[in-house]
Amino acid sequence: MTGEDILNTFKFSCLLVIPFLVYSWFVCISLMKKSEVDNQILRKKKDKNSKKNVDINQVIHEVMDEMWDKNR
């Protein structure tokens, strides 16, 4: 096996591995954000459960507004 073969094998390996790592990173980030939103929704629901009338759409909008403000 020559040096050129080794280099070509390395390039091919990088072409396979790097896109997978980038995809995995994006999936991980999206799952973390979804989990964070779910946790905030649960916290809001627990706080508002004492009032008996919990409008889930209002809770989701508030949480999404908070996330939007945080990401600016």
C-alpha atoms as a PDB file:
ATOM      1  CA  MET A   1       0.000   0.000   0.000  1.00  0.00           C
ATOM      2  CA  THR A   2       1.527   3.272  -1.077  1.00  0.00           C
ATOM      3  CA  GLY A   3       1.296   6.617   0.613  1.00  0.00           C
ATOM      4  CA  GLU A   4      -1.149   7.776  -2.040  1.00  0.00           C
ATOM      5  CA  ASP A   5      -3.466   4.836  -1.301  1.00  0.00           C
ATOM      6  CA  ILE A   6      -3.383   5.647   2.398  1.00  0.00           C
ATOM      7  CA  LEU A   7      -4.170   9.306   1.664  1.00  0.00           C
ATOM      8  CA  ASN A   8      -7.078   8.357  -0.610  1.00  0.00           C
ATOM      9  CA  THR A   9      -8.451   5.981   2.035  1.00  0.00           C
ATOM     10  CA  PHE A  10      -8.211   8.753   4.648  1.00  0.00           C
ATOM     11  CA  LYS A  11     -10.017  11.225   2.359  1.00  0.00           C
ATOM     12  CA  PHE A  12     -12.759   8.686   1.676  1.00  0.00           C
ATOM     13  CA  SER A  13     -13.142   8.007   5.406  1.00  0.00           C
ATOM     14  CA  CYS A  14     -13.443  11.729   6.109  1.00  0.00           C
ATOM     15  CA  LEU A  15     -16.077  12.083   3.393  1.00  0.00           C
ATOM     16  CA  LEU A  16     -18.140   9.410   5.138  1.00  0.00           C
ATOM     17  CA  VAL A  17     -17.575  10.409   8.761  1.00  0.00           C
ATOM     18  CA  ILE A  18     -17.782  14.221   8.697  1.00  0.00           C
ATOM     19  CA  PRO A  19     -21.340  14.489   7.272  1.00  0.00           C
ATOM     20  CA  PHE A  20     -22.529  11.895   9.779  1.00  0.00           C
ATOM     21  CA  LEU A  21     -20.990  13.877  12.659  1.00  0.00           C
ATOM     22  CA  VAL A  22     -22.560  17.125  11.457  1.00  0.00           C
ATOM     23  CA  TYR A  23     -25.959  15.446  11.095  1.00  0.00           C
ATOM     24  CA  SER A  24     -25.636  13.892  14.566  1.00  0.00           C
ATOM     25  CA  TRP A  25     -24.745  17.277  16.036  1.00  0.00           C
ATOM     26  CA  PHE A  26     -27.841  18.905  14.503  1.00  0.00           C
ATOM     27  CA  VAL A  27     -30.068  16.077  15.734  1.00  0.00           C
ATOM     28  CA  CYS A  28     -28.616  16.378  19.237  1.00  0.00           C
ATOM     29  CA  ILE A  29     -29.137  20.163  19.313  1.00  0.00           C
ATOM     30  CA  SER A  30     -32.729  19.874  18.094  1.00  0.00           C
ATOM     31  CA  LEU A  31     -33.522  17.207  20.700  1.00  0.00           C
ATOM     32  CA  MET A  32     -32.022  19.335  23.467  1.00  0.00           C
ATOM     33  CA  LYS A  33     -34.115  22.338  22.402  1.00  0.00           C
ATOM     34  CA  LYS A  34     -37.267  20.210  22.223  1.00  0.00           C
ATOM     35  CA  SER A  35     -36.552  18.828  25.679  1.00  0.00           C
ATOM     36  CA  GLU A  36     -35.995  22.332  27.035  1.00  0.00           C
ATOM     37  CA  VAL A  37     -39.288  23.541  25.554  1.00  0.00           C
ATOM     38  CA  ASP A  38     -41.118  20.502  26.954  1.00  0.00           C
ATOM     39  CA  ASN A  39     -39.659  21.134  30.410  1.00  0.00           C
ATOM     40  CA  GLN A  40     -40.677  24.790  30.304  1.00  0.00           C
ATOM     41  CA  ILE A  41     -44.189  23.854  29.213  1.00  0.00           C
ATOM     42  CA  LEU A  42     -44.464  21.409  32.113  1.00  0.00           C
ATOM     43  CA  ARG A  43     -43.241  24.048  34.566  1.00  0.00           C
ATOM     44  CA  LYS A  44     -45.734  26.592  33.230  1.00  0.00           C
ATOM     45  CA  LYS A  45     -48.558  24.050  33.432  1.00  0.00           C
ATOM     46  CA  LYS A  46     -47.715  23.221  37.047  1.00  0.00           C
ATOM     47  CA  ASP A  47     -47.661  26.923  37.942  1.00  0.00           C
ATOM     48  CA  LYS A  48     -50.986  27.564  36.236  1.00  0.00           C
ATOM     49  CA  ASN A  49     -52.713  24.375  37.406  1.00  0.00           C
ATOM     50  CA  SER A  50     -53.707  26.139  40.586  1.00  0.00           C
ATOM     51  CA  LYS A  51     -55.833  28.503  38.491  1.00  0.00           C
ATOM     52  CA  LYS A  52     -57.725  25.562  36.943  1.00  0.00           C
ATOM     53  CA  ASN A  53     -57.872  27.101  33.462  1.00  0.00           C
ATOM     54  CA  VAL A  54     -54.720  26.219  31.585  1.00  0.00           C
ATOM     55  CA  ASP A  55     -54.744  27.236  27.959  1.00  0.00           C
ATOM     56  CA  ILE A  56     -52.009  25.075  26.402  1.00  0.00           C
ATOM     57  CA  ASN A  57     -51.764  27.289  23.329  1.00  0.00           C
ATOM     58  CA  GLN A  58     -51.041  30.286  25.514  1.00  0.00           C
ATOM     59  CA  VAL A  59     -48.378  28.324  27.405  1.00  0.00           C
ATOM     60  CA  ILE A  60     -46.728  27.197  24.167  1.00  0.00           C
ATOM     61  CA  HIS A  61     -46.711  30.742  22.804  1.00  0.00           C
ATOM     62  CA  GLU A  62     -45.188  32.099  26.009  1.00  0.00           C
ATOM     63  CA  VAL A  63     -42.482  29.446  26.016  1.00  0.00           C
ATOM     64  CA  MET A  64     -41.696  29.991  22.346  1.00  0.00           C
ATOM     65  CA  ASP A  65     -41.527  33.762  22.933  1.00  0.00           C
ATOM     66  CA  GLU A  66     -39.074  33.175  25.779  1.00  0.00           C
ATOM     67  CA  MET A  67     -36.982  30.888  23.585  1.00  0.00           C
ATOM     68  CA  TRP A  68     -37.049  33.450  20.768  1.00  0.00           C
ATOM     69  CA  ASP A  69     -35.942  36.244  23.130  1.00  0.00           C
ATOM     70  CA  LYS A  70     -33.203  34.049  24.589  1.00  0.00           C
ATOM     71  CA  ASN A  71     -31.790  33.188  21.147  1.00  0.00           C
ATOM     72  CA  ARG A  72     -31.537  36.804  19.980  1.00  0.00           C
END
